Amino acid sequence: SPLLAFTMLTALLYLGYSTLTINYYAAGMALATDDAAQVKLATMRESAVLIGTLAAAILPAMLQQAGAGPRDALLSGAVLLAALLALGYWRFSALPAVTSSV
């Protein structure tokens, strides 16, 4: 039934999200060498999450306001956000482990 499929897929989605998020946070804390570096890393990570969430919410509306249709606005926004994500990954993947001089 559709309701059962929806329930199962939603549970699977949340399970996958939780698993990836926990591992992502743990990997970040493993990179930081002390408390100050962990706070700095968490601040940067949460700031990026907030900026990404706002961009994903606002960008399609801005593109639609500029004249794109709803489908084109969502597609263009997704492509632009994916390109920015790839650029950020490329830029920050070469950085050394986060350390603090405090």
C-alpha atoms as a PDB file:
ATOM      1  CA  SER A   1       0.000   0.000   0.000  1.00  0.00           C
ATOM      2  CA  PRO A   2       1.192   3.582  -0.618  1.00  0.00           C
ATOM      3  CA  LEU A   3       0.982   4.496   3.066  1.00  0.00           C
ATOM      4  CA  LEU A   4       3.209   1.587   4.065  1.00  0.00           C
ATOM      5  CA  ALA A   5       5.718   2.432   1.327  1.00  0.00           C
ATOM      6  CA  PHE A   6       5.756   6.068   2.432  1.00  0.00           C
ATOM      7  CA  THR A   7       6.260   5.053   6.065  1.00  0.00           C
ATOM      8  CA  MET A   8       9.096   2.659   5.228  1.00  0.00           C
ATOM      9  CA  LEU A   9      10.878   5.128   2.947  1.00  0.00           C
ATOM     10  CA  THR A  10      10.548   7.902   5.511  1.00  0.00           C
ATOM     11  CA  ALA A  11      12.000   5.663   8.227  1.00  0.00           C
ATOM     12  CA  LEU A  12      14.846   4.672   5.887  1.00  0.00           C
ATOM     13  CA  LEU A  13      15.517   8.312   5.051  1.00  0.00           C
ATOM     14  CA  TYR A  14      15.724   9.319   8.714  1.00  0.00           C
ATOM     15  CA  LEU A  15      17.895   6.316   9.564  1.00  0.00           C
ATOM     16  CA  GLY A  16      20.323   7.172   6.766  1.00  0.00           C
ATOM     17  CA  TYR A  17      20.360  10.858   7.677  1.00  0.00           C
ATOM     18  CA  SER A  18      21.020  10.102  11.336  1.00  0.00           C
ATOM     19  CA  THR A  19      23.803   7.643  10.514  1.00  0.00           C
ATOM     20  CA  LEU A  20      25.557  10.046   8.152  1.00  0.00           C
ATOM     21  CA  THR A  21      25.157  13.017  10.486  1.00  0.00           C
ATOM     22  CA  ILE A  22      26.601  11.181  13.480  1.00  0.00           C
ATOM     23  CA  ASN A  23      29.595  10.011  11.435  1.00  0.00           C
ATOM     24  CA  TYR A  24      30.057  13.482   9.943  1.00  0.00           C
ATOM     25  CA  TYR A  25      30.117  15.131  13.375  1.00  0.00           C
ATOM     26  CA  ALA A  26      32.434  12.451  14.781  1.00  0.00           C
ATOM     27  CA  ALA A  27      34.884  12.865  11.890  1.00  0.00           C
ATOM     28  CA  GLY A  28      34.959  16.611  12.482  1.00  0.00           C
ATOM     29  CA  MET A  29      35.724  16.156  16.150  1.00  0.00           C
ATOM     30  CA  ALA A  30      38.487  13.682  15.302  1.00  0.00           C
ATOM     31  CA  LEU A  31      40.157  16.346  13.145  1.00  0.00           C
ATOM     32  CA  ALA A  32      40.199  18.924  15.920  1.00  0.00           C
ATOM     33  CA  THR A  33      43.038  18.599  18.381  1.00  0.00           C
ATOM     34  CA  ASP A  34      41.666  20.512  21.393  1.00  0.00           C
ATOM     35  CA  ASP A  35      38.514  22.135  22.765  1.00  0.00           C
ATOM     36  CA  ALA A  36      39.050  25.507  21.069  1.00  0.00           C
ATOM     37  CA  ALA A  37      39.569  23.840  17.694  1.00  0.00           C
ATOM     38  CA  GLN A  38      36.429  21.735  18.195  1.00  0.00           C
ATOM     39  CA  VAL A  39      34.391  24.859  18.925  1.00  0.00           C
ATOM     40  CA  LYS A  40      35.826  26.599  15.860  1.00  0.00           C
ATOM     41  CA  LEU A  41      35.093  23.592  13.668  1.00  0.00           C
ATOM     42  CA  ALA A  42      31.545  23.229  15.005  1.00  0.00           C
ATOM     43  CA  THR A  43      30.932  26.960  14.472  1.00  0.00           C
ATOM     44  CA  MET A  44      32.124  26.773  10.878  1.00  0.00           C
ATOM     45  CA  ARG A  45      30.080  23.629  10.218  1.00  0.00           C
ATOM     46  CA  GLU A  46      26.862  25.002  11.670  1.00  0.00           C
ATOM     47  CA  SER A  47      27.357  28.324   9.867  1.00  0.00           C
ATOM     48  CA  ALA A  48      27.729  26.465   6.578  1.00  0.00           C
ATOM     49  CA  VAL A  49      24.582  24.452   7.316  1.00  0.00           C
ATOM     50  CA  LEU A  50      22.626  27.629   8.030  1.00  0.00           C
ATOM     51  CA  ILE A  51      23.896  29.402   4.912  1.00  0.00           C
ATOM     52  CA  GLY A  52      23.175  26.331   2.769  1.00  0.00           C
ATOM     53  CA  THR A  53      19.670  25.956   4.150  1.00  0.00           C
ATOM     54  CA  LEU A  54      18.885  29.618   3.536  1.00  0.00           C
ATOM     55  CA  ALA A  55      20.340  29.471   0.033  1.00  0.00           C
ATOM     56  CA  ALA A  56      18.325  26.347  -0.807  1.00  0.00           C
ATOM     57  CA  ALA A  57      15.152  28.043   0.426  1.00  0.00           C
ATOM     58  CA  ILE A  58      15.696  31.454  -1.169  1.00  0.00           C
ATOM     59  CA  LEU A  59      17.467  30.695  -4.457  1.00  0.00           C
ATOM     60  CA  PRO A  60      14.563  29.023  -6.320  1.00  0.00           C
ATOM     61  CA  ALA A  61      12.239  31.899  -5.382  1.00  0.00           C
ATOM     62  CA  MET A  62      14.801  34.441  -6.595  1.00  0.00           C
ATOM     63  CA  LEU A  63      15.251  32.566  -9.883  1.00  0.00           C
ATOM     64  CA  GLN A  64      11.493  32.325 -10.345  1.00  0.00           C
ATOM     65  CA  GLN A  65      11.179  36.072  -9.640  1.00  0.00           C
ATOM     66  CA  ALA A  66      13.811  36.667 -12.329  1.00  0.00           C
ATOM     67  CA  GLY A  67      11.550  35.019 -14.889  1.00  0.00           C
ATOM     68  CA  ALA A  68      12.313  31.308 -14.733  1.00  0.00           C
ATOM     69  CA  GLY A  69       9.424  28.889 -14.468  1.00  0.00           C
ATOM     70  CA  PRO A  70       9.002  26.899 -11.247  1.00  0.00           C
ATOM     71  CA  ARG A  71      10.645  23.758 -12.678  1.00  0.00           C
ATOM     72  CA  ASP A  72      13.531  25.696 -14.247  1.00  0.00           C
ATOM     73  CA  ALA A  73      14.040  27.667 -11.023  1.00  0.00           C
ATOM     74  CA  LEU A  74      14.298  24.493  -8.923  1.00  0.00           C
ATOM     75  CA  LEU A  75      16.582  22.792 -11.428  1.00  0.00           C
ATOM     76  CA  SER A  76      18.826  25.846 -11.811  1.00  0.00           C
ATOM     77  CA  GLY A  77      18.966  26.295  -8.047  1.00  0.00           C
ATOM     78  CA  ALA A  78      19.902  22.647  -7.516  1.00  0.00           C
ATOM     79  CA  VAL A  79      22.634  22.809 -10.162  1.00  0.00           C
ATOM     80  CA  LEU A  80      24.029  26.042  -8.708  1.00  0.00           C
ATOM     81  CA  LEU A  81      24.012  24.678  -5.151  1.00  0.00           C
ATOM     82  CA  ALA A  82      25.693  21.455  -6.318  1.00  0.00           C
ATOM     83  CA  ALA A  83      28.388  23.490  -8.076  1.00  0.00           C
ATOM     84  CA  LEU A  84      28.950  25.580  -4.947  1.00  0.00           C
ATOM     85  CA  LEU A  85      29.135  22.434  -2.820  1.00  0.00           C
ATOM     86  CA  ALA A  86      31.707  20.911  -5.196  1.00  0.00           C
ATOM     87  CA  LEU A  87      33.719  24.136  -5.162  1.00  0.00           C
ATOM     88  CA  GLY A  88      33.658  24.237  -1.365  1.00  0.00           C
ATOM     89  CA  TYR A  89      34.702  20.597  -1.136  1.00  0.00           C
ATOM     90  CA  TRP A  90      37.548  21.151  -3.579  1.00  0.00           C
ATOM     91  CA  ARG A  91      38.689  24.295  -1.746  1.00  0.00           C
ATOM     92  CA  PHE A  92      38.566  22.919   1.784  1.00  0.00           C
ATOM     93  CA  SER A  93      39.654  19.317   1.147  1.00  0.00           C
ATOM     94  CA  ALA A  94      43.282  20.431   0.872  1.00  0.00           C
ATOM     95  CA  LEU A  95      43.293  22.179   4.259  1.00  0.00           C
ATOM     96  CA  PRO A  96      45.288  20.642   7.107  1.00  0.00           C
ATOM     97  CA  ALA A  97      43.658  19.457  10.321  1.00  0.00           C
ATOM     98  CA  VAL A  98      42.125  22.218  12.428  1.00  0.00           C
ATOM     99  CA  THR A  99      44.400  23.216  15.309  1.00  0.00           C
ATOM    100  CA  SER A 100      44.344  25.980  17.863  1.00  0.00           C
ATOM    101  CA  SER A 101      47.208  27.996  19.274  1.00  0.00           C
ATOM    102  CA  VAL A 102      45.336  28.675  22.531  1.00  0.00           C
END
